[in-house]
């Protein structure tokens, strides 16, 4: 079970990482779940290597 504090901490960590790489992300918060999505508009909305790298970083943050 994801606690509210854990969710806030994870979103904060992901926000800091995305600022560092100048990438934009969206976060959806659902009951017991966080959903992150990234889009590189300058690449025509397709996933780039940076998007995939960021997804790996987000996975590591969420898994602790």
N, C-alpha and C. Protein backbone atom coordinates (compact mmCIF):
# COMPACT_ATOMS: atom_id res chain seq x y z
N UNK A 1 0.84 -1.18 0.00
CA UNK A 1 0.00 0.00 0.00
C UNK A 1 0.89 1.25 0.00
N UNK A 2 0.60 2.17 -0.86
CA UNK A 2 1.34 3.42 -0.95
C UNK A 2 0.70 4.43 -0.01
N UNK A 3 1.48 4.96 0.91
CA UNK A 3 0.94 5.97 1.82
C UNK A 3 0.90 7.32 1.12
N UNK A 4 0.11 8.23 1.67
CA UNK A 4 0.03 9.57 1.10
C UNK A 4 1.39 10.27 1.15
N UNK A 5 2.13 10.08 2.24
CA UNK A 5 3.45 10.70 2.37
C UNK A 5 4.39 10.15 1.31
N UNK A 6 4.35 8.85 1.08
CA UNK A 6 5.21 8.24 0.06
C UNK A 6 4.88 8.81 -1.31
N UNK A 7 3.60 8.98 -1.61
CA UNK A 7 3.20 9.52 -2.91
C UNK A 7 3.76 10.92 -3.10
N UNK A 8 3.61 11.77 -2.08
CA UNK A 8 4.10 13.14 -2.17
C UNK A 8 5.62 13.14 -2.34
N UNK A 9 6.30 12.31 -1.60
CA UNK A 9 7.76 12.22 -1.68
C UNK A 9 8.19 11.78 -3.08
N UNK A 10 7.54 10.79 -3.64
CA UNK A 10 7.88 10.30 -4.97
C UNK A 10 7.64 11.37 -6.03
N UNK A 11 6.51 12.05 -5.95
CA UNK A 11 6.21 13.10 -6.93
C UNK A 11 7.25 14.21 -6.83
N UNK A 12 7.63 14.57 -5.62
CA UNK A 12 8.64 15.61 -5.42
C UNK A 12 9.98 15.19 -6.02
N UNK A 13 10.39 13.96 -5.78
CA UNK A 13 11.66 13.47 -6.33
C UNK A 13 11.63 13.46 -7.86
N UNK A 14 10.54 12.99 -8.42
CA UNK A 14 10.42 12.94 -9.89
C UNK A 14 10.42 14.35 -10.46
N UNK A 15 9.76 15.28 -9.80
CA UNK A 15 9.75 16.68 -10.26
C UNK A 15 11.16 17.24 -10.31
N UNK A 16 11.95 16.97 -9.29
CA UNK A 16 13.33 17.46 -9.26
C UNK A 16 14.15 16.88 -10.41
N UNK A 17 13.99 15.59 -10.65
CA UNK A 17 14.73 14.94 -11.73
C UNK A 17 14.33 15.50 -13.09
N UNK A 18 13.04 15.69 -13.30
CA UNK A 18 12.59 16.20 -14.60
C UNK A 18 13.04 17.64 -14.83
N UNK A 19 13.14 18.42 -13.76
CA UNK A 19 13.67 19.78 -13.89
C UNK A 19 15.13 19.74 -14.33
N UNK A 20 15.90 18.82 -13.75
CA UNK A 20 17.32 18.71 -14.07
C UNK A 20 17.56 18.40 -15.53
N UNK A 21 16.72 17.57 -16.13
CA UNK A 21 16.91 17.19 -17.53
C UNK A 21 16.01 18.00 -18.48
N UNK A 22 15.35 19.01 -17.92
CA UNK A 22 14.47 19.89 -18.69
C UNK A 22 13.43 19.11 -19.49
N UNK A 23 12.82 18.16 -18.82
CA UNK A 23 11.80 17.32 -19.43
C UNK A 23 10.47 17.59 -18.73
N UNK A 24 9.40 17.47 -19.46
CA UNK A 24 8.08 17.70 -18.89
C UNK A 24 7.39 16.36 -18.64
N UNK A 25 6.68 16.29 -17.55
CA UNK A 25 5.95 15.07 -17.22
C UNK A 25 4.59 15.45 -16.64
N UNK A 26 3.68 14.54 -16.78
CA UNK A 26 2.36 14.68 -16.16
C UNK A 26 2.24 13.60 -15.10
N UNK A 27 1.52 13.93 -14.03
CA UNK A 27 1.31 12.97 -12.95
C UNK A 27 -0.19 12.86 -12.72
N UNK A 28 -0.66 11.63 -12.67
CA UNK A 28 -2.05 11.36 -12.28
C UNK A 28 -2.02 10.59 -10.98
N UNK A 29 -2.82 11.01 -10.06
CA UNK A 29 -2.88 10.33 -8.76
C UNK A 29 -4.23 9.66 -8.64
N UNK A 30 -4.19 8.37 -8.44
CA UNK A 30 -5.40 7.58 -8.24
C UNK A 30 -5.28 6.88 -6.90
N UNK A 31 -6.33 6.28 -6.46
CA UNK A 31 -6.29 5.54 -5.21
C UNK A 31 -5.19 4.49 -5.29
N UNK A 32 -4.23 4.55 -4.39
CA UNK A 32 -3.12 3.59 -4.27
C UNK A 32 -2.20 3.56 -5.49
N UNK A 33 -2.22 4.60 -6.33
CA UNK A 33 -1.46 4.52 -7.56
C UNK A 33 -1.02 5.90 -8.04
N UNK A 34 0.17 5.97 -8.57
CA UNK A 34 0.65 7.16 -9.26
C UNK A 34 0.93 6.78 -10.70
N UNK A 35 0.56 7.64 -11.63
CA UNK A 35 0.80 7.40 -13.04
C UNK A 35 1.60 8.59 -13.60
N UNK A 36 2.77 8.31 -14.16
CA UNK A 36 3.60 9.35 -14.76
C UNK A 36 3.60 9.16 -16.27
N UNK A 37 3.53 10.26 -17.01
CA UNK A 37 3.66 10.18 -18.46
C UNK A 37 4.57 11.31 -18.93
N UNK A 38 5.35 11.02 -19.96
CA UNK A 38 6.26 12.00 -20.53
C UNK A 38 5.98 12.14 -22.01
N UNK A 39 6.13 13.35 -22.51
CA UNK A 39 6.00 13.59 -23.94
C UNK A 39 7.06 14.59 -24.36
N UNK A 40 7.72 14.28 -25.44
CA UNK A 40 8.68 15.22 -26.00
C UNK A 40 8.02 15.85 -27.22
N UNK A 41 7.47 17.03 -27.01
CA UNK A 41 6.72 17.68 -28.08
C UNK A 41 7.60 18.04 -29.26
N UNK A 42 8.86 18.36 -29.01
CA UNK A 42 9.77 18.71 -30.11
C UNK A 42 10.12 17.50 -30.96
N UNK A 43 9.84 16.30 -30.46
CA UNK A 43 10.10 15.08 -31.23
C UNK A 43 8.82 14.55 -31.87
N UNK A 44 7.81 15.39 -31.91
CA UNK A 44 6.56 14.98 -32.53
C UNK A 44 5.71 14.07 -31.66
N UNK A 45 5.96 14.08 -30.36
CA UNK A 45 5.15 13.29 -29.44
C UNK A 45 5.55 11.82 -29.33
N UNK A 46 6.66 11.44 -29.96
CA UNK A 46 7.12 10.05 -29.86
C UNK A 46 8.10 9.93 -28.70
N UNK A 47 8.25 8.73 -28.18
CA UNK A 47 9.17 8.49 -27.09
C UNK A 47 10.60 8.62 -27.58
N UNK A 48 11.40 9.36 -26.84
CA UNK A 48 12.81 9.55 -27.17
C UNK A 48 13.66 8.77 -26.17
N UNK A 49 14.96 8.74 -26.42
CA UNK A 49 15.87 8.09 -25.48
C UNK A 49 15.80 8.75 -24.11
N UNK A 50 15.62 10.07 -24.09
CA UNK A 50 15.49 10.78 -22.82
C UNK A 50 14.23 10.35 -22.07
N UNK A 51 13.12 10.17 -22.80
CA UNK A 51 11.88 9.70 -22.17
C UNK A 51 12.09 8.33 -21.53
N UNK A 52 12.75 7.44 -22.25
CA UNK A 52 12.98 6.09 -21.75
C UNK A 52 13.92 6.10 -20.55
N UNK A 53 14.97 6.94 -20.60
CA UNK A 53 15.88 7.06 -19.47
C UNK A 53 15.13 7.61 -18.25
N UNK A 54 14.30 8.60 -18.47
CA UNK A 54 13.52 9.18 -17.39
C UNK A 54 12.55 8.16 -16.81
N UNK A 55 11.97 7.34 -17.65
CA UNK A 55 11.07 6.27 -17.16
C UNK A 55 11.83 5.32 -16.24
N UNK A 56 13.05 4.98 -16.60
CA UNK A 56 13.87 4.11 -15.75
C UNK A 56 14.17 4.78 -14.41
N UNK A 57 14.47 6.08 -14.44
CA UNK A 57 14.74 6.82 -13.21
C UNK A 57 13.49 6.86 -12.33
N UNK A 58 12.33 7.10 -12.93
CA UNK A 58 11.08 7.13 -12.18
C UNK A 58 10.80 5.77 -11.55
N UNK A 59 11.02 4.71 -12.32
CA UNK A 59 10.84 3.35 -11.76
C UNK A 59 11.71 3.15 -10.52
N UNK A 60 12.96 3.59 -10.62
CA UNK A 60 13.89 3.43 -9.48
C UNK A 60 13.42 4.24 -8.27
N UNK A 61 12.90 5.44 -8.50
CA UNK A 61 12.40 6.26 -7.40
C UNK A 61 11.21 5.60 -6.74
N UNK A 62 10.29 5.11 -7.54
CA UNK A 62 9.06 4.53 -7.01
C UNK A 62 9.35 3.21 -6.28
N UNK A 63 10.29 2.43 -6.81
CA UNK A 63 10.61 1.14 -6.17
C UNK A 63 11.49 1.31 -4.94
N UNK A 64 12.04 2.52 -4.78
CA UNK A 64 12.84 2.83 -3.59
C UNK A 64 14.18 2.28 -3.70
